[in-house]
């Protein structure tokens, strides 16, 4: 009695032969850049070396407009303008 062999199929339903599997194995047997295979982190990059807290702040219409105008003029974001203003006001690096 012979042992049944397992069939491998692609997503499209094509049955892979032993030769196909050998060819695929030979392709991946070379040098593999493991770092390139690692999944990349999602989300925003950390600020100042670690995760950041969200602090909700209410701004009046004129202050909000001023922040947005400054962000546009500096080619940056409103968050960057607010963080820089707080650093300067609090004398924090």
Protein backbone atom coordinates (compact mmCIF):
# COMPACT_ATOMS: atom_id res chain seq x y z
CA UNK A 1 0.00 0.00 0.00
CA UNK A 2 1.41 3.40 -0.98
CA UNK A 3 1.23 6.44 1.22
CA UNK A 4 -0.96 9.17 -0.23
CA UNK A 5 0.98 12.29 -1.08
CA UNK A 6 -0.24 15.68 -0.01
CA UNK A 7 -1.27 18.08 -2.76
CA UNK A 8 -0.40 21.75 -2.49
CA UNK A 9 -2.44 24.36 -4.29
CA UNK A 10 -2.01 28.05 -4.99
CA UNK A 11 -4.72 30.59 -4.22
CA UNK A 12 -5.86 30.32 -7.81
CA UNK A 13 -6.34 26.56 -7.48
CA UNK A 14 -3.28 25.47 -9.45
CA UNK A 15 -1.84 22.21 -8.09
CA UNK A 16 1.88 22.47 -7.41
CA UNK A 17 4.08 19.59 -8.54
CA UNK A 18 7.17 18.39 -6.66
CA UNK A 19 9.27 20.27 -9.23
CA UNK A 20 7.35 23.48 -8.53
CA UNK A 21 7.96 23.11 -4.80
CA UNK A 22 11.66 22.42 -5.36
CA UNK A 23 11.94 25.52 -7.54
CA UNK A 24 10.27 27.65 -4.87
CA UNK A 25 12.53 26.18 -2.18
CA UNK A 26 15.62 26.96 -4.26
CA UNK A 27 14.47 30.57 -4.68
CA UNK A 28 14.23 31.15 -0.95
CA UNK A 29 17.30 29.12 0.00
CA UNK A 30 19.62 32.02 -0.86
CA UNK A 31 20.41 35.00 1.31
CA UNK A 32 17.31 36.39 2.93
CA UNK A 33 17.16 39.87 4.42
CA UNK A 34 15.27 39.10 7.62
CA UNK A 35 14.86 42.79 8.49
CA UNK A 36 13.01 43.33 5.23
CA UNK A 37 10.57 40.57 6.17
CA UNK A 38 9.77 41.98 9.61
CA UNK A 39 6.46 43.78 9.75
CA UNK A 40 6.67 47.52 10.06
CA UNK A 41 5.09 49.27 12.99
CA UNK A 42 1.85 51.03 12.31
CA UNK A 43 0.67 54.30 13.65
CA UNK A 44 2.34 57.56 14.35
CA UNK A 45 6.04 57.72 15.15
CA UNK A 46 6.83 58.33 18.82
CA UNK A 47 7.54 61.89 19.93
CA UNK A 48 10.62 62.71 21.97
CA UNK A 49 11.69 59.08 22.21
CA UNK A 50 8.51 57.53 23.56
CA UNK A 51 4.77 57.30 23.30
CA UNK A 52 2.89 60.59 23.61
CA UNK A 53 -0.26 61.44 25.52
CA UNK A 54 -3.18 63.17 23.88
CA UNK A 55 -4.24 66.29 25.77
CA UNK A 56 -7.53 67.76 24.59
CA UNK A 57 -7.51 71.55 24.56
CA UNK A 58 -10.27 73.92 23.52
CA UNK A 59 -9.21 76.81 21.33
CA UNK A 60 -11.31 79.80 20.40
CA UNK A 61 -11.87 80.53 16.73
CA UNK A 62 -9.30 83.34 16.53
CA UNK A 63 -6.58 81.35 18.34
CA UNK A 64 -7.27 78.29 16.20
CA UNK A 65 -7.07 80.40 13.04
CA UNK A 66 -3.77 81.91 14.21
CA UNK A 67 -2.30 78.47 14.89
CA UNK A 68 -3.43 77.18 11.49
CA UNK A 69 -2.06 80.28 9.74
CA UNK A 70 1.31 79.84 11.45
CA UNK A 71 1.39 76.12 10.60
CA UNK A 72 0.71 76.89 6.94
CA UNK A 73 3.37 79.62 6.87
CA UNK A 74 5.93 77.29 8.51
CA UNK A 75 4.95 74.30 6.32
CA UNK A 76 4.23 72.21 9.40
CA UNK A 77 1.26 70.92 11.39
CA UNK A 78 -0.89 72.63 13.99
CA UNK A 79 0.34 70.08 16.54
CA UNK A 80 3.96 71.06 15.86
CA UNK A 81 3.12 74.75 16.32
CA UNK A 82 1.34 74.06 19.62
CA UNK A 83 4.17 71.84 20.92
CA UNK A 84 6.79 74.46 20.00
CA UNK A 85 4.76 77.21 21.69
CA UNK A 86 4.49 75.14 24.87
CA UNK A 87 8.23 74.36 24.83
CA UNK A 88 9.07 78.06 24.54
CA UNK A 89 6.53 79.13 27.17
CA UNK A 90 7.65 76.48 29.66
CA UNK A 91 11.33 76.80 28.71
CA UNK A 92 11.58 73.07 28.02
CA UNK A 93 13.98 71.63 25.41
